[in-house]
Amino acid sequence: MLIIYINMDYWCRIILEASIVAISIVALGFILQKSCKIENPLILLFVTGFLIHLIYDLVGFNKYYCKICAGCK
């Protein structure tokens, strides 16, 4: 039973992290598309992913996530 618990905890953490990143990308992508008028979806995706990663690193979310992340342990 312990293995199932650890495995479920791992999947819950990964799904939570993926959901937070996905919501952030959608929100910032929407803002960039409307404010900067970026029409090319590949450029929009690149700029959005680049900025999200940069913002998360500057704010300290990446460092915090590595402390609590199931995938980093």
Protein backbone atom coordinates (compact mmCIF):
# COMPACT_ATOMS: atom_id res chain seq x y z
CA MET A 1 0.00 0.00 0.00
CA LEU A 2 2.88 2.37 0.68
CA ILE A 3 4.06 2.12 -2.94
CA ILE A 4 0.59 3.05 -4.20
CA TYR A 5 0.47 6.03 -1.81
CA ILE A 6 3.88 7.33 -2.93
CA ASN A 7 2.95 6.81 -6.57
CA MET A 8 -0.37 8.66 -6.13
CA ASP A 9 1.39 11.49 -4.28
CA TYR A 10 3.86 11.75 -7.16
CA TRP A 11 1.10 11.91 -9.77
CA CYS A 12 -0.92 14.45 -7.77
CA ARG A 13 2.10 16.75 -7.50
CA ILE A 14 2.98 16.41 -11.18
CA ILE A 15 -0.63 17.07 -12.25
CA LEU A 16 -0.82 20.10 -9.94
CA GLU A 17 2.44 21.53 -11.30
CA ALA A 18 1.41 20.87 -14.91
CA SER A 19 -1.95 22.54 -14.30
CA ILE A 20 -0.36 25.64 -12.80
CA VAL A 21 2.08 25.94 -15.70
CA ALA A 22 -0.66 25.34 -18.29
CA ILE A 23 -2.97 27.96 -16.77
CA SER A 24 -0.06 30.43 -16.62
CA ILE A 25 0.79 29.81 -20.28
CA VAL A 26 -2.82 30.20 -21.41
CA ALA A 27 -3.29 33.40 -19.38
CA LEU A 28 -0.03 35.04 -20.49
CA GLY A 29 -0.53 33.85 -24.07
CA PHE A 30 -3.98 35.46 -24.15
CA ILE A 31 -2.59 38.72 -22.77
CA LEU A 32 0.31 38.74 -25.25
CA GLN A 33 -1.94 37.95 -28.18
CA LYS A 34 -4.31 40.79 -27.35
CA SER A 35 -1.76 43.41 -26.29
CA CYS A 36 1.16 42.69 -28.64
CA LYS A 37 -0.98 41.51 -31.57
CA ILE A 38 1.15 38.39 -32.13
CA GLU A 39 -0.70 36.44 -34.81
CA ASN A 40 1.75 33.61 -35.54
CA PRO A 41 0.91 30.78 -33.10
CA LEU A 42 4.46 29.40 -33.01
CA ILE A 43 5.97 32.77 -32.18
CA LEU A 44 3.27 33.32 -29.55
CA LEU A 45 3.95 29.91 -28.01
CA PHE A 46 7.71 30.52 -27.98
CA VAL A 47 7.45 34.00 -26.43
CA THR A 48 4.90 32.81 -23.88
CA GLY A 49 6.96 29.79 -22.80
CA PHE A 50 10.13 31.87 -22.69
CA LEU A 51 8.52 34.55 -20.52
CA ILE A 52 6.80 32.07 -18.19
CA HIS A 53 10.09 30.29 -17.57
CA LEU A 54 11.90 33.59 -17.02
CA ILE A 55 9.18 34.92 -14.68
CA TYR A 56 9.07 31.68 -12.66
CA ASP A 57 12.85 31.75 -12.28
CA LEU A 58 13.01 35.44 -11.28
CA VAL A 59 10.16 35.09 -8.79
CA GLY A 60 11.72 31.97 -7.28
CA PHE A 61 9.05 29.43 -8.23
CA ASN A 62 11.59 27.12 -9.92
CA LYS A 63 13.75 27.00 -6.81
CA TYR A 64 10.72 26.45 -4.58
CA TYR A 65 9.38 23.73 -6.87
CA CYS A 66 12.68 21.85 -6.76
CA LYS A 67 12.38 21.73 -2.95
CA ILE A 68 8.89 20.20 -2.99
CA CYS A 69 8.84 18.44 -6.36
CA ALA A 70 8.18 14.73 -6.52
CA GLY A 71 10.24 14.46 -9.71
CA CYS A 72 13.33 16.07 -8.14
CA LYS A 73 13.62 13.60 -5.27
